PDB file of N, CA and C in Angstrom:
ATOM      1  N   UNK A   1     112.308 -11.268  25.494  1.00  0.00           N
ATOM      2  CA  UNK A   1     110.994 -11.586  25.992  1.00  0.00           C
ATOM      3  C   UNK A   1     110.037 -11.619  24.810  1.00  0.00           C
ATOM      4  N   UNK A   2     109.071 -12.525  24.893  1.00  0.00           N
ATOM      5  CA  UNK A   2     108.072 -12.671  23.841  1.00  0.00           C
ATOM      6  C   UNK A   2     106.677 -12.574  24.447  1.00  0.00           C
ATOM      7  N   UNK A   3     105.761 -12.049  23.657  1.00  0.00           N
ATOM      8  CA  UNK A   3     104.347 -12.126  23.987  1.00  0.00           C
ATOM      9  C   UNK A   3     103.831 -13.418  23.374  1.00  0.00           C
ATOM     10  N   UNK A   4     103.054 -14.158  24.130  1.00  0.00           N
ATOM     11  CA  UNK A   4     102.420 -15.366  23.613  1.00  0.00           C
ATOM     12  C   UNK A   4     100.914 -15.157  23.756  1.00  0.00           C
ATOM     13  N   UNK A   5     100.222 -15.175  22.634  1.00  0.00           N
ATOM     14  CA  UNK A   5      98.773 -15.007  22.589  1.00  0.00           C
ATOM     15  C   UNK A   5      98.172 -16.370  22.268  1.00  0.00           C
ATOM     16  N   UNK A   6      97.373 -16.884  23.171  1.00  0.00           N
ATOM     17  CA  UNK A   6      96.795 -18.223  23.029  1.00  0.00           C
ATOM     18  C   UNK A   6      95.290 -18.070  22.848  1.00  0.00           C
ATOM     19  N   UNK A   7      94.762 -18.630  21.770  1.00  0.00           N
ATOM     20  CA  UNK A   7      93.314 -18.687  21.582  1.00  0.00           C
ATOM     21  C   UNK A   7      92.909 -20.151  21.673  1.00  0.00           C
ATOM     22  N   UNK A   8      91.757 -20.401  22.300  1.00  0.00           N
ATOM     23  CA  UNK A   8      91.410 -21.789  22.606  1.00  0.00           C
ATOM     24  C   UNK A   8      89.913 -21.956  22.797  1.00  0.00           C
ATOM     25  N   UNK A   9      89.434 -23.169  22.514  1.00  0.00           N
ATOM     26  CA  UNK A   9      88.089 -23.561  22.903  1.00  0.00           C
ATOM     27  C   UNK A   9      88.034 -23.519  24.425  1.00  0.00           C
ATOM     28  N   UNK A  10      86.942 -23.020  24.986  1.00  0.00           N
ATOM     29  CA  UNK A  10      86.830 -22.881  26.438  1.00  0.00           C
ATOM     30  C   UNK A  10      87.112 -24.171  27.197  1.00  0.00           C
ATOM     31  N   UNK A  11      86.951 -25.297  26.551  1.00  0.00           N
ATOM     32  CA  UNK A  11      87.212 -26.572  27.215  1.00  0.00           C
ATOM     33  C   UNK A  11      88.673 -26.719  27.639  1.00  0.00           C
ATOM     34  N   UNK A  12      89.586 -25.965  27.015  1.00  0.00           N
ATOM     35  CA  UNK A  12      91.014 -26.047  27.331  1.00  0.00           C
ATOM     36  C   UNK A  12      91.457 -25.136  28.467  1.00  0.00           C
ATOM     37  N   UNK A  13      90.591 -24.299  28.976  1.00  0.00           N
ATOM     38  CA  UNK A  13      90.984 -23.262  29.947  1.00  0.00           C
ATOM     39  C   UNK A  13      91.771 -23.822  31.127  1.00  0.00           C
ATOM     40  N   UNK A  14      91.230 -24.786  31.831  1.00  0.00           N
ATOM     41  CA  UNK A  14      91.899 -25.318  33.025  1.00  0.00           C
ATOM     42  C   UNK A  14      93.240 -25.966  32.691  1.00  0.00           C
ATOM     43  N   UNK A  15      93.285 -26.684  31.577  1.00  0.00           N
ATOM     44  CA  UNK A  15      94.539 -27.335  31.192  1.00  0.00           C
ATOM     45  C   UNK A  15      95.617 -26.304  30.839  1.00  0.00           C
ATOM     46  N   UNK A  16      95.227 -25.219  30.202  1.00  0.00           N
ATOM     47  CA  UNK A  16      96.199 -24.183  29.857  1.00  0.00           C
ATOM     48  C   UNK A  16      96.724 -23.469  31.104  1.00  0.00           C
ATOM     49  N   UNK A  17      95.846 -23.193  32.047  1.00  0.00           N
ATOM     50  CA  UNK A  17      96.291 -22.565  33.297  1.00  0.00           C
ATOM     51  C   UNK A  17      97.230 -23.508  34.047  1.00  0.00           C
ATOM     52  N   UNK A  18      96.950 -24.792  34.015  1.00  0.00           N
ATOM     53  CA  UNK A  18      97.841 -25.769  34.643  1.00  0.00           C
ATOM     54  C   UNK A  18      99.214 -25.757  33.977  1.00  0.00           C
ATOM     55  N   UNK A  19      99.249 -25.680  32.650  1.00  0.00           N
ATOM     56  CA  UNK A  19     100.532 -25.601  31.933  1.00  0.00           C
ATOM     57  C   UNK A  19     101.300 -24.358  32.377  1.00  0.00           C
ATOM     58  N   UNK A  20     100.637 -23.224  32.414  1.00  0.00           N
ATOM     59  CA  UNK A  20     101.301 -21.987  32.851  1.00  0.00           C
ATOM     60  C   UNK A  20     101.831 -22.119  34.276  1.00  0.00           C
ATOM     61  N   UNK A  21     101.022 -22.694  35.166  1.00  0.00           N
ATOM     62  CA  UNK A  21     101.439 -22.879  36.561  1.00  0.00           C
ATOM     63  C   UNK A  21     102.667 -23.778  36.659  1.00  0.00           C
ATOM     64  N   UNK A  22     102.648 -24.894  35.951  1.00  0.00           N
ATOM     65  CA  UNK A  22     103.764 -25.841  36.022  1.00  0.00           C
ATOM     66  C   UNK A  22     105.049 -25.278  35.441  1.00  0.00           C
ATOM     67  N   UNK A  23     104.918 -24.296  34.559  1.00  0.00           N
ATOM     68  CA  UNK A  23     106.109 -23.664  33.974  1.00  0.00           C
ATOM     69  C   UNK A  23     106.492 -22.391  34.734  1.00  0.00           C
ATOM     70  N   UNK A  24     105.816 -22.136  35.836  1.00  0.00           N
ATOM     71  CA  UNK A  24     106.057 -20.931  36.646  1.00  0.00           C
ATOM     72  C   UNK A  24     105.876 -19.648  35.842  1.00  0.00           C
ATOM     73  N   UNK A  25     104.879 -19.642  34.972  1.00  0.00           N
ATOM     74  CA  UNK A  25     104.514 -18.455  34.197  1.00  0.00           C
ATOM     75  C   UNK A  25     103.286 -17.843  34.867  1.00  0.00           C
ATOM     76  N   UNK A  26     103.543 -17.000  35.837  1.00  0.00           N
ATOM     77  CA  UNK A  26     102.486 -16.490  36.700  1.00  0.00           C
ATOM     78  C   UNK A  26     101.615 -15.422  36.036  1.00  0.00           C
ATOM     79  N   UNK A  27     102.213 -14.455  35.375  1.00  0.00           N
ATOM     80  CA  UNK A  27     101.454 -13.321  34.867  1.00  0.00           C
ATOM     81  C   UNK A  27     100.790 -13.594  33.531  1.00  0.00           C
ATOM     82  N   UNK A  28      99.517 -13.287  33.446  1.00  0.00           N
ATOM     83  CA  UNK A  28      98.799 -13.373  32.180  1.00  0.00           C
ATOM     84  C   UNK A  28      97.518 -12.567  32.265  1.00  0.00           C
ATOM     85  N   UNK A  29      96.974 -12.229  31.110  1.00  0.00           N
ATOM     86  CA  UNK A  29      95.652 -11.631  30.995  1.00  0.00           C
ATOM     87  C   UNK A  29      94.798 -12.621  30.233  1.00  0.00           C
ATOM     88  N   UNK A  30      93.553 -12.820  30.701  1.00  0.00           N
ATOM     89  CA  UNK A  30      92.690 -13.823  30.093  1.00  0.00           C
ATOM     90  C   UNK A  30      91.346 -13.189  29.742  1.00  0.00           C
ATOM     91  N   UNK A  31      90.841 -13.544  28.574  1.00  0.00           N
ATOM     92  CA  UNK A  31      89.516 -13.132  28.152  1.00  0.00           C
ATOM     93  C   UNK A  31      88.657 -14.383  28.002  1.00  0.00           C
ATOM     94  N   UNK A  32      87.508 -14.392  28.648  1.00  0.00           N
ATOM     95  CA  UNK A  32      86.519 -15.452  28.447  1.00  0.00           C
ATOM     96  C   UNK A  32      85.552 -14.989  27.356  1.00  0.00           C
ATOM     97  N   UNK A  33      84.881 -15.925  26.759  1.00  0.00           N
ATOM     98  CA  UNK A  33      83.842 -15.653  25.770  1.00  0.00           C
ATOM     99  C   UNK A  33      84.323 -14.814  24.593  1.00  0.00           C
ATOM    100  N   UNK A  34      85.340 -15.329  23.924  1.00  0.00           N
ATOM    101  CA  UNK A  34      85.869 -14.727  22.707  1.00  0.00           C
ATOM    102  C   UNK A  34      85.295 -15.501  21.525  1.00  0.00           C
ATOM    103  N   UNK A  35      84.784 -14.785  20.546  1.00  0.00           N
ATOM    104  CA  UNK A  35      84.226 -15.440  19.371  1.00  0.00           C
ATOM    105  C   UNK A  35      85.283 -15.601  18.289  1.00  0.00           C
ATOM    106  N   UNK A  36      85.123 -16.638  17.450  1.00  0.00           N
ATOM    107  CA  UNK A  36      86.046 -16.812  16.343  1.00  0.00           C
ATOM    108  C   UNK A  36      85.832 -18.121  15.624  1.00  0.00           C
ATOM    109  N   UNK A  37      86.643 -18.317  14.618  1.00  0.00           N
ATOM    110  CA  UNK A  37      86.645 -19.576  13.865  1.00  0.00           C
ATOM    111  C   UNK A  37      88.028 -19.792  13.302  1.00  0.00           C
ATOM    112  N   UNK A  38      88.384 -21.042  13.123  1.00  0.00           N
ATOM    113  CA  UNK A  38      89.698 -21.384  12.596  1.00  0.00           C
ATOM    114  C   UNK A  38      89.830 -21.047  11.126  1.00  0.00           C
ATOM    115  N   UNK A  39      91.061 -20.893  10.675  1.00  0.00           N
ATOM    116  CA  UNK A  39      91.289 -20.523   9.282  1.00  0.00           C
ATOM    117  C   UNK A  39      91.247 -21.717   8.335  1.00  0.00           C
ATOM    118  N   UNK A  40      91.405 -22.936   8.858  1.00  0.00           N
ATOM    119  CA  UNK A  40      91.450 -24.105   7.986  1.00  0.00           C
ATOM    120  C   UNK A  40      90.395 -25.162   8.294  1.00  0.00           C
ATOM    121  N   UNK A  41      90.158 -25.450   9.577  1.00  0.00           N
ATOM    122  CA  UNK A  41      89.195 -26.486   9.915  1.00  0.00           C
ATOM    123  C   UNK A  41      88.607 -26.188  11.291  1.00  0.00           C
ATOM    124  N   UNK A  42      87.712 -27.029  11.710  1.00  0.00           N
ATOM    125  CA  UNK A  42      87.053 -26.809  12.989  1.00  0.00           C
ATOM    126  C   UNK A  42      85.792 -25.986  12.809  1.00  0.00           C
ATOM    127  N   UNK A  43      84.952 -26.009  13.830  1.00  0.00           N
ATOM    128  CA  UNK A  43      83.690 -25.292  13.778  1.00  0.00           C
ATOM    129  C   UNK A  43      83.839 -23.892  14.364  1.00  0.00           C
ATOM    130  N   UNK A  44      82.990 -22.957  13.915  1.00  0.00           N
ATOM    131  CA  UNK A  44      82.996 -21.622  14.513  1.00  0.00           C
ATOM    132  C   UNK A  44      82.595 -21.691  15.983  1.00  0.00           C
ATOM    133  N   UNK A  45      83.043 -20.709  16.733  1.00  0.00           N
ATOM    134  CA  UNK A  45      82.681 -20.569  18.147  1.00  0.00           C
ATOM    135  C   UNK A  45      82.084 -19.180  18.318  1.00  0.00           C
ATOM    136  N   UNK A  46      80.749 -19.089  18.166  1.00  0.00           N
ATOM    137  CA  UNK A  46      80.070 -17.799  18.181  1.00  0.00           C
ATOM    138  C   UNK A  46      79.177 -17.590  19.403  1.00  0.00           C
ATOM    139  N   UNK A  47      78.937 -18.636  20.175  1.00  0.00           N
ATOM    140  CA  UNK A  47      78.085 -18.496  21.349  1.00  0.00           C
ATOM    141  C   UNK A  47      76.627 -18.247  21.013  1.00  0.00           C
ATOM    142  N   UNK A  48      76.175 -18.650  19.842  1.00  0.00           N
ATOM    143  CA  UNK A  48      74.765 -18.476  19.487  1.00  0.00           C
ATOM    144  C   UNK A  48      74.074 -19.827  19.378  1.00  0.00           C
ATOM    145  N   UNK A  49      72.824 -19.823  18.959  1.00  0.00           N
ATOM    146  CA  UNK A  49      72.088 -21.092  18.904  1.00  0.00           C
ATOM    147  C   UNK A  49      72.647 -22.057  17.856  1.00  0.00           C
ATOM    148  N   UNK A  50      73.213 -21.549  16.787  1.00  0.00           N
ATOM    149  CA  UNK A  50      73.764 -22.422  15.743  1.00  0.00           C
ATOM    150  C   UNK A  50      75.158 -22.923  16.096  1.00  0.00           C
ATOM    151  N   UNK A  51      75.980 -22.070  16.694  1.00  0.00           N
ATOM    152  CA  UNK A  51      77.355 -22.396  17.065  1.00  0.00           C
ATOM    153  C   UNK A  51      77.544 -21.995  18.530  1.00  0.00           C
ATOM    154  N   UNK A  52      77.070 -22.824  19.469  1.00  0.00           N
ATOM    155  CA  UNK A  52      76.994 -22.407  20.875  1.00  0.00           C
ATOM    156  C   UNK A  52      78.308 -22.349  21.651  1.00  0.00           C
ATOM    157  N   UNK A  53      79.349 -23.003  21.204  1.00  0.00           N
ATOM    158  CA  UNK A  53      80.595 -22.970  21.975  1.00  0.00           C
ATOM    159  C   UNK A  53      81.284 -21.620  21.825  1.00  0.00           C
ATOM    160  N   UNK A  54      82.170 -21.336  22.770  1.00  0.00           N
ATOM    161  CA  UNK A  54      82.912 -20.078  22.763  1.00  0.00           C
ATOM    162  C   UNK A  54      84.398 -20.361  22.888  1.00  0.00           C
ATOM    163  N   UNK A  55      85.182 -19.385  22.548  1.00  0.00           N
ATOM    164  CA  UNK A  55      86.629 -19.437  22.721  1.00  0.00           C
ATOM    165  C   UNK A  55      87.024 -18.616  23.943  1.00  0.00           C
ATOM    166  N   UNK A  56      88.263 -18.756  24.326  1.00  0.00           N
ATOM    167  CA  UNK A  56      88.889 -17.895  25.317  1.00  0.00           C
ATOM    168  C   UNK A  56      90.227 -17.470  24.746  1.00  0.00           C
ATOM    169  N   UNK A  57      90.882 -16.523  25.412  1.00  0.00           N
ATOM    170  CA  UNK A  57      92.199 -16.066  24.967  1.00  0.00           C
ATOM    171  C   UNK A  57      93.044 -15.722  26.187  1.00  0.00           C
ATOM    172  N   UNK A  58      94.324 -15.990  26.082  1.00  0.00           N
ATOM    173  CA  UNK A  58      95.295 -15.661  27.121  1.00  0.00           C
ATOM    174  C   UNK A  58      96.452 -14.929  26.451  1.00  0.00           C
ATOM    175  N   UNK A  59      96.893 -13.851  27.082  1.00  0.00           N
ATOM    176  CA  UNK A  59      98.088 -13.135  26.654  1.00  0.00           C
ATOM    177  C   UNK A  59      99.068 -13.158  27.809  1.00  0.00           C
ATOM    178  N   UNK A  60     100.263 -13.664  27.555  1.00  0.00           N
ATOM    179  CA  UNK A  60     101.278 -13.743  28.596  1.00  0.00           C
ATOM    180  C   UNK A  60     102.632 -13.337  28.028  1.00  0.00           C
ATOM    181  N   UNK A  61     103.457 -12.719  28.855  1.00  0.00           N
ATOM    182  CA  UNK A  61     104.810 -12.338  28.468  1.00  0.00           C
ATOM    183  C   UNK A  61     105.757 -13.404  29.019  1.00  0.00           C
ATOM    184  N   UNK A  62     106.590 -13.960  28.148  1.00  0.00           N
ATOM    185  CA  UNK A  62     107.372 -15.140  28.488  1.00  0.00           C
ATOM    186  C   UNK A  62     108.844 -14.896  28.171  1.00  0.00           C
ATOM    187  N   UNK A  63     109.707 -15.293  29.087  1.00  0.00           N
ATOM    188  CA  UNK A  63     111.150 -15.225  28.838  1.00  0.00           C
ATOM    189  C   UNK A  63     111.482 -16.102  27.631  1.00  0.00           C
ATOM    190  N   UNK A  64     112.436 -15.651  26.835  1.00  0.00           N
ATOM    191  CA  UNK A  64     112.781 -16.360  25.599  1.00  0.00           C
ATOM    192  C   UNK A  64     113.047 -17.848  25.823  1.00  0.00           C
ATOM    193  N   UNK A  65     113.705 -18.188  26.909  1.00  0.00           N
ATOM    194  CA  UNK A  65     114.067 -19.591  27.157  1.00  0.00           C
ATOM    195  C   UNK A  65     112.856 -20.486  27.426  1.00  0.00           C
ATOM    196  N   UNK A  66     111.720 -19.897  27.759  1.00  0.00           N
ATOM    197  CA  UNK A  66     110.530 -20.694  28.068  1.00  0.00           C
ATOM    198  C   UNK A  66     109.501 -20.721  26.936  1.00  0.00           C
ATOM    199  N   UNK A  67     109.749 -19.936  25.888  1.00  0.00           N
ATOM    200  CA  UNK A  67     108.760 -19.850  24.809  1.00  0.00           C
ATOM    201  C   UNK A  67     108.597 -21.185  24.093  1.00  0.00           C
ATOM    202  N   UNK A  68     109.678 -21.781  23.624  1.00  0.00           N
ATOM    203  CA  UNK A  68     109.564 -23.042  22.876  1.00  0.00           C
ATOM    204  C   UNK A  68     108.980 -24.166  23.723  1.00  0.00           C
ATOM    205  N   UNK A  69     109.406 -24.360  24.982  1.00  0.00           N
ATOM    206  CA  UNK A  69     108.755 -25.388  25.799  1.00  0.00           C
ATOM    207  C   UNK A  69     107.251 -25.139  25.984  1.00  0.00           C
ATOM    208  N   UNK A  70     106.855 -23.874  26.119  1.00  0.00           N
ATOM    209  CA  UNK A  70     105.425 -23.567  26.237  1.00  0.00           C
ATOM    210  C   UNK A  70     104.695 -23.930  24.956  1.00  0.00           C
ATOM    211  N   UNK A  71     105.237 -23.540  23.815  1.00  0.00           N
ATOM    212  CA  UNK A  71     104.603 -23.866  22.536  1.00  0.00           C
ATOM    213  C   UNK A  71     104.512 -25.380  22.324  1.00  0.00           C
ATOM    214  N   UNK A  72     105.518 -26.111  22.742  1.00  0.00           N
ATOM    215  CA  UNK A  72     105.489 -27.565  22.599  1.00  0.00           C
ATOM    216  C   UNK A  72     104.379 -28.182  23.447  1.00  0.00           C
ATOM    217  N   UNK A  73     104.188 -27.684  24.643  1.00  0.00           N
ATOM    218  CA  UNK A  73     103.117 -28.207  25.510  1.00  0.00           C
ATOM    219  C   UNK A  73     101.735 -27.866  24.944  1.00  0.00           C
ATOM    220  N   UNK A  74     101.597 -26.666  24.427  1.00  0.00           N
ATOM    221  CA  UNK A  74     100.323 -26.274  23.815  1.00  0.00           C
ATOM    222  C   UNK A  74     100.058 -27.121  22.576  1.00  0.00           C
ATOM    223  N   UNK A  75     101.084 -27.351  21.770  1.00  0.00           N
ATOM    224  CA  UNK A  75     100.926 -28.173  20.565  1.00  0.00           C
ATOM    225  C   UNK A  75     100.538 -29.610  20.924  1.00  0.00           C
ATOM    226  N   UNK A  76     101.145 -30.160  21.955  1.00  0.00           N
ATOM    227  CA  UNK A  76     100.803 -31.521  22.379  1.00  0.00           C
ATOM    228  C   UNK A  76      99.342 -31.600  22.814  1.00  0.00           C
ATOM    229  N   UNK A  77      98.871 -30.582  23.525  1.00  0.00           N
ATOM    230  CA  UNK A  77      97.465 -30.549  23.936  1.00  0.00           C
ATOM    231  C   UNK A  77      96.557 -30.456  22.721  1.00  0.00           C
ATOM    232  N   UNK A  78      96.917 -29.635  21.757  1.00  0.00           N
ATOM    233  CA  UNK A  78      96.128 -29.465  20.545  1.00  0.00           C
ATOM    234  C   UNK A  78      96.054 -30.751  19.728  1.00  0.00           C
ATOM    235  N   UNK A  79      97.150 -31.502  19.648  1.00  0.00           N
ATOM    236  CA  UNK A  79      97.180 -32.719  18.829  1.00  0.00           C
ATOM    237  C   UNK A  79      96.119 -33.737  19.254  1.00  0.00           C
ATOM    238  N   UNK A  80      95.758 -33.743  20.520  1.00  0.00           N
ATOM    239  CA  UNK A  80      94.747 -34.686  20.990  1.00  0.00           C
ATOM    240  C   UNK A  80      93.319 -34.282  20.637  1.00  0.00           C
ATOM    241  N   UNK A  81      93.125 -32.999  20.296  1.00  0.00           N
ATOM    242  CA  UNK A  81      91.771 -32.479  20.066  1.00  0.00           C
ATOM    243  C   UNK A  81      91.794 -31.412  18.977  1.00  0.00           C
ATOM    244  N   UNK A  82      92.328 -31.725  17.820  1.00  0.00           N
ATOM    245  CA  UNK A  82      92.585 -30.729  16.784  1.00  0.00           C
ATOM    246  C   UNK A  82      91.352 -29.951  16.341  1.00  0.00           C
ATOM    247  N   UNK A  83      90.179 -30.550  16.336  1.00  0.00           N
ATOM    248  CA  UNK A  83      88.993 -29.848  15.861  1.00  0.00           C
ATOM    249  C   UNK A  83      88.428 -28.869  16.886  1.00  0.00           C
ATOM    250  N   UNK A  84      88.915 -28.911  18.118  1.00  0.00           N
ATOM    251  CA  UNK A  84      88.398 -28.014  19.147  1.00  0.00           C
ATOM    252  C   UNK A  84      88.886 -26.582  18.971  1.00  0.00           C
ATOM    253  N   UNK A  85      90.070 -26.407  18.482  1.00  0.00           N
ATOM    254  CA  UNK A  85      90.619 -25.073  18.276  1.00  0.00           C
ATOM    255  C   UNK A  85      91.546 -24.650  19.400  1.00  0.00           C
ATOM    256  N   UNK A  86      92.826 -24.619  19.118  1.00  0.00           N
ATOM    257  CA  UNK A  86      93.844 -24.181  20.072  1.00  0.00           C
ATOM    258  C   UNK A  86      95.034 -23.678  19.263  1.00  0.00           C
ATOM    259  N   UNK A  87      95.357 -22.397  19.427  1.00  0.00           N
ATOM    260  CA  UNK A  87      96.463 -21.799  18.671  1.00  0.00           C
ATOM    261  C   UNK A  87      97.270 -20.897  19.586  1.00  0.00           C
ATOM    262  N   UNK A  88      98.549 -20.758  19.288  1.00  0.00           N
ATOM    263  CA  UNK A  88      99.413 -19.838  20.026  1.00  0.00           C
ATOM    264  C   UNK A  88     100.246 -19.050  19.024  1.00  0.00           C
ATOM    265  N   UNK A  89     100.360 -17.759  19.266  1.00  0.00           N
ATOM    266  CA  UNK A  89     101.085 -16.849  18.396  1.00  0.00           C
ATOM    267  C   UNK A  89     102.105 -16.097  19.257  1.00  0.00           C
ATOM    268  N   UNK A  90     103.269 -15.819  18.702  1.00  0.00           N
ATOM    269  CA  UNK A  90     104.286 -15.097  19.468  1.00  0.00           C
ATOM    270  C   UNK A  90     104.781 -13.882  18.693  1.00  0.00           C
ATOM    271  N   UNK A  91     105.231 -12.893  19.444  1.00  0.00           N
ATOM    272  CA  UNK A  91     105.931 -11.771  18.858  1.00  0.00           C
ATOM    273  C   UNK A  91     106.845 -11.169  19.896  1.00  0.00           C
ATOM    274  N   UNK A  92     107.875 -10.473  19.432  1.00  0.00           N
ATOM    275  CA  UNK A  92     108.899  -9.918  20.309  1.00  0.00           C
ATOM    276  C   UNK A  92     108.365  -8.706  21.070  1.00  0.00           C
ATOM    277  N   UNK A  93     108.756  -8.612  22.321  1.00  0.00           N
ATOM    278  CA  UNK A  93     108.448  -7.453  23.161  1.00  0.00           C
ATOM    279  C   UNK A  93     109.723  -6.627  23.303  1.00  0.00           C
ATOM    280  N   UNK A  94     109.658  -5.387  22.900  1.00  0.00           N
ATOM    281  CA  UNK A  94     110.848  -4.534  22.926  1.00  0.00           C
ATOM    282  C   UNK A  94     111.017  -3.794  24.243  1.00  0.00           C
ATOM    283  N   UNK A  95     109.966  -3.639  24.983  1.00  0.00           N
ATOM    284  CA  UNK A  95     110.058  -2.944  26.260  1.00  0.00           C
ATOM    285  C   UNK A  95     108.862  -3.251  27.124  1.00  0.00           C
ATOM    286  N   UNK A  96     109.034  -3.026  28.431  1.00  0.00           N
ATOM    287  CA  UNK A  96     107.935  -3.304  29.349  1.00  0.00           C
ATOM    288  C   UNK A  96     108.144  -2.469  30.609  1.00  0.00           C
ATOM    289  N   UNK A  97     107.078  -1.955  31.175  1.00  0.00           N
ATOM    290  CA  UNK A  97     107.139  -1.155  32.406  1.00  0.00           C
ATOM    291  C   UNK A  97     106.510  -1.954  33.530  1.00  0.00           C
TER     292      UNK A  97
END
């Protein structure tokens, strides 16, 4: 099992939830109004008068067999809007209650 942490421009929220639904990935935790900026390009998302947009974040635990298909769908969404900001990070989960 892997943890997948997705950070995104708020504009992607509905599309990301649709991806999770279509892949039958029901469980997740979501944070709205997350601030940040990309490491290479794109504009900051601070929610202030200078940089008014905000990010969101989703954390979901995914079976190993579904991780790569999920990352591919997220990458395809990002390719259409690269400057908006959409990233996914994974790490192994050793246990869960």
